[in-house]
Protein backbone atom coordinates (compact mmCIF):
# COMPACT_ATOMS: atom_id res chain seq x y z
CA MET A 1 16.76 27.46 38.99
CA PRO A 2 14.30 27.45 36.11
CA GLY A 3 12.97 23.92 36.51
CA LYS A 4 11.52 21.84 39.28
CA GLY A 5 13.91 18.99 38.72
CA LYS A 6 14.73 16.95 41.82
CA GLY A 7 17.88 15.08 42.52
CA LYS A 8 21.38 15.59 41.34
CA GLY A 9 22.43 16.83 37.93
CA PRO A 10 21.51 19.81 35.81
CA SER A 11 18.06 21.23 36.01
CA PHE A 12 16.21 21.81 32.69
CA PRO A 13 13.26 24.08 32.04
CA VAL A 14 10.05 22.08 32.06
CA ALA A 15 6.88 22.35 30.06
CA ARG A 16 3.58 21.46 31.60
CA VAL A 17 1.67 19.07 29.37
CA ALA A 18 -1.88 17.95 29.97
CA THR A 19 -2.30 14.21 29.65
CA HIS A 20 -5.38 12.31 28.51
CA PRO A 21 -8.70 14.21 28.97
CA ALA A 22 -10.00 11.52 31.31
CA SER A 23 -7.20 12.29 33.75
CA HIS A 24 -9.05 15.36 35.07
CA HIS A 25 -6.44 17.84 33.87
CA ARG A 26 -3.47 16.33 35.61
CA GLU A 27 -0.26 17.84 34.35
CA THR A 28 3.06 16.17 34.00
CA GLU A 29 6.42 17.78 33.79
CA ARG A 30 8.73 17.09 30.85
CA PRO A 31 12.18 18.54 30.44
CA ARG A 32 12.41 21.00 27.54
CA SER A 33 15.51 20.68 25.41
CA GLY A 34 17.23 23.30 23.30
CA LEU A 35 17.14 21.09 20.20
CA THR A 36 15.31 22.45 17.15
CA LEU A 37 14.48 20.14 14.28
CA THR A 38 14.13 21.79 10.89
CA ARG A 39 12.95 20.08 7.75
CA SER A 40 12.97 21.61 4.29
CA SER A 41 12.08 20.37 0.84
CA PHE A 42 11.85 21.73 -2.66
CA VAL A 43 10.01 20.92 -5.85
CA GLY A 44 11.53 21.23 -9.28
CA PRO A 45 14.64 20.29 -11.13
CA MET A 46 16.97 22.59 -9.20
CA PRO A 47 17.54 22.93 -5.49
CA PRO A 48 17.18 26.43 -4.03
CA PRO A 49 20.21 28.73 -4.46
CA ASP A 50 21.31 28.54 -0.82
CA LEU A 51 21.36 24.74 -0.98
CA VAL A 52 23.31 24.83 -4.26
CA ALA A 53 25.83 27.15 -2.58
CA GLU A 54 26.16 24.67 0.29
CA TYR A 55 26.75 21.81 -2.15
CA GLU A 56 29.29 23.95 -4.02
CA ALA A 57 31.10 24.64 -0.73
CA ILE A 58 31.22 20.91 0.03
CA ARG A 59 32.16 19.82 -3.48
CA PRO A 60 33.42 22.37 -6.01
CA GLY A 61 31.66 21.94 -9.34
CA ALA A 62 28.39 20.72 -7.83
CA ALA A 63 26.48 23.77 -9.06
CA ARG A 64 27.74 23.20 -12.62
CA PHE A 65 26.64 19.56 -12.30
CA PHE A 66 23.09 20.63 -11.33
CA PHE A 67 22.83 23.13 -14.18
CA ASP A 68 24.23 20.68 -16.73
CA ALA A 69 21.85 17.95 -15.56
CA VAL A 70 18.86 20.27 -15.90
CA GLU A 71 19.98 21.33 -19.39
CA ARG A 72 20.48 17.71 -20.50
CA GLN A 73 17.09 16.67 -19.12
CA SER A 74 15.38 19.62 -20.79
CA ALA A 75 17.01 18.88 -24.16
CA HIS A 76 16.08 15.19 -23.84
CA ARG A 77 12.45 16.00 -22.99
CA GLN A 78 12.18 18.46 -25.87
CA ALA A 79 13.65 15.92 -28.31
CA LEU A 80 11.12 13.31 -27.17
CA GLU A 81 8.25 15.78 -27.48
CA LEU A 82 9.39 16.69 -31.00
CA ARG A 83 9.49 13.01 -31.99
CA VAL A 84 5.97 12.49 -30.60
CA VAL A 85 4.61 15.53 -32.43
CA ASN A 86 6.27 14.53 -35.71
CA ALA A 87 5.00 10.95 -35.40
CA SER A 88 1.48 12.23 -34.68
CA ILE A 89 1.56 14.50 -37.74
CA SER A 90 2.86 11.66 -39.89
CA ASN A 91 0.16 9.27 -38.62
CA GLU A 92 -2.56 11.82 -39.32
CA ARG A 93 -1.23 12.48 -42.82
CA VAL A 94 -1.08 8.75 -43.66
CA GLY A 95 -4.58 8.27 -42.22
CA MET A 96 -6.00 11.08 -44.33
CA TRP A 97 -4.43 9.69 -47.52
CA LEU A 98 -5.71 6.19 -46.78
CA ALA A 99 -9.19 7.56 -46.07
CA PHE A 100 -9.09 9.53 -49.34
CA VAL A 101 -8.03 6.48 -51.37
CA LEU A 102 -10.71 4.31 -49.72
CA ALA A 103 -13.40 6.95 -50.22
CA MET A 104 -12.45 7.42 -53.88
CA ALA A 105 -12.49 3.64 -54.43
CA MET A 106 -15.97 3.44 -52.90
CA VAL A 107 -17.25 6.35 -55.01
CA LEU A 108 -15.76 4.79 -58.15
CA CYS A 109 -17.37 1.45 -57.28
CA GLY A 110 -20.70 3.22 -56.75
CA THR A 111 -20.30 5.01 -60.07
CA PHE A 112 -19.53 1.70 -61.77
CA LEU A 113 -22.65 0.15 -60.24
CA ILE A 114 -24.77 3.08 -61.49
CA SER A 115 -23.28 2.67 -64.99
CA GLU A 116 -24.21 -1.03 -64.88
CA ASP A 117 -27.88 -0.11 -64.24
CA LYS A 118 -27.70 -0.88 -60.52
CA ASP A 119 -28.74 2.59 -59.46
CA PRO A 120 -29.95 1.81 -55.89
CA GLN A 121 -26.80 -0.10 -54.97
CA GLY A 122 -24.50 2.49 -56.54
CA LEU A 123 -26.26 5.41 -54.90
CA ALA A 124 -26.28 3.59 -51.56
CA MET A 125 -22.54 2.98 -51.83
CA ILE A 126 -21.81 6.62 -52.68
CA ALA A 127 -24.21 7.97 -50.03
CA GLY A 128 -22.85 5.55 -47.40
CA THR A 129 -19.30 6.61 -48.13
CA LEU A 130 -20.16 10.30 -47.89
CA ALA A 131 -22.17 9.73 -44.69
CA ALA A 132 -19.25 7.83 -43.13
CA LEU A 133 -16.81 10.62 -44.06
CA CYS A 134 -19.12 13.28 -42.62
CA GLY A 135 -19.59 11.20 -39.45
CA VAL A 136 -15.83 10.85 -38.96
CA PHE A 137 -15.36 14.59 -39.53
CA VAL A 138 -18.08 15.57 -37.02
CA TYR A 139 -16.83 13.03 -34.45
CA SER A 140 -13.23 14.28 -34.72
CA ARG A 141 -14.35 17.92 -34.33
CA ARG A 142 -16.33 17.07 -31.20
CA GLN A 143 -13.36 15.21 -29.77
CA GLU A 144 -11.15 18.26 -30.42
CA GLN A 145 -13.67 20.51 -28.69
CA LYS A 146 -13.85 18.15 -25.71
CA GLU A 147 -10.07 17.97 -25.40
CA HIS A 148 -9.82 21.75 -25.73
CA ARG A 149 -12.37 22.31 -22.96
CA GLU A 150 -10.59 19.82 -20.69
CA SER A 151 -7.18 21.40 -21.28
CA ASP A 152 -8.35 25.02 -20.90
CA PRO A 153 -11.86 25.30 -19.40
CA ALA A 154 -11.63 29.11 -19.14
CA ASP A 155 -11.30 29.49 -22.90
CA ASP A 156 -14.54 28.46 -24.65
CA ILE A 157 -13.68 28.71 -28.34
CA ASP A 158 -16.02 26.81 -30.62
CA LEU A 159 -13.70 24.86 -32.94
CA ALA A 160 -16.52 23.96 -35.33
CA THR A 161 -17.04 27.63 -36.23
CA ALA A 162 -13.37 28.62 -36.11
């Protein structure tokens, strides 16, 4: 018999297991069972092909359900991304037009002040407007460079010179 089981009943193979280190290497006997526990998992929108085949065997049409669900989710995600991109483009376009109108109004006001013999105030208004526009431009370029480096650190393209 493979085990050292005592008493009546079937004898199972035993595994010798050391207990706590302070027990001076005493070993206990535990019956070894033939049960194997297997766990699997997957990442992604679709289960692996063998699992899809099992689902299809259990419920016909399950594979079509998985594929249709992935297609619907993909189309939904792409539609949302398109809306976000279009809204971002629209916001940038409106912002540029508003900045242009504001800058032109400030330059016209500065020109009016110069024509009214208020040269320092008019020049300050025009110079301040141009300085603010340059500052916004430089800041936005640096932000783009920073975002580019964070999204793809291996590619070091200088956007200011591109």
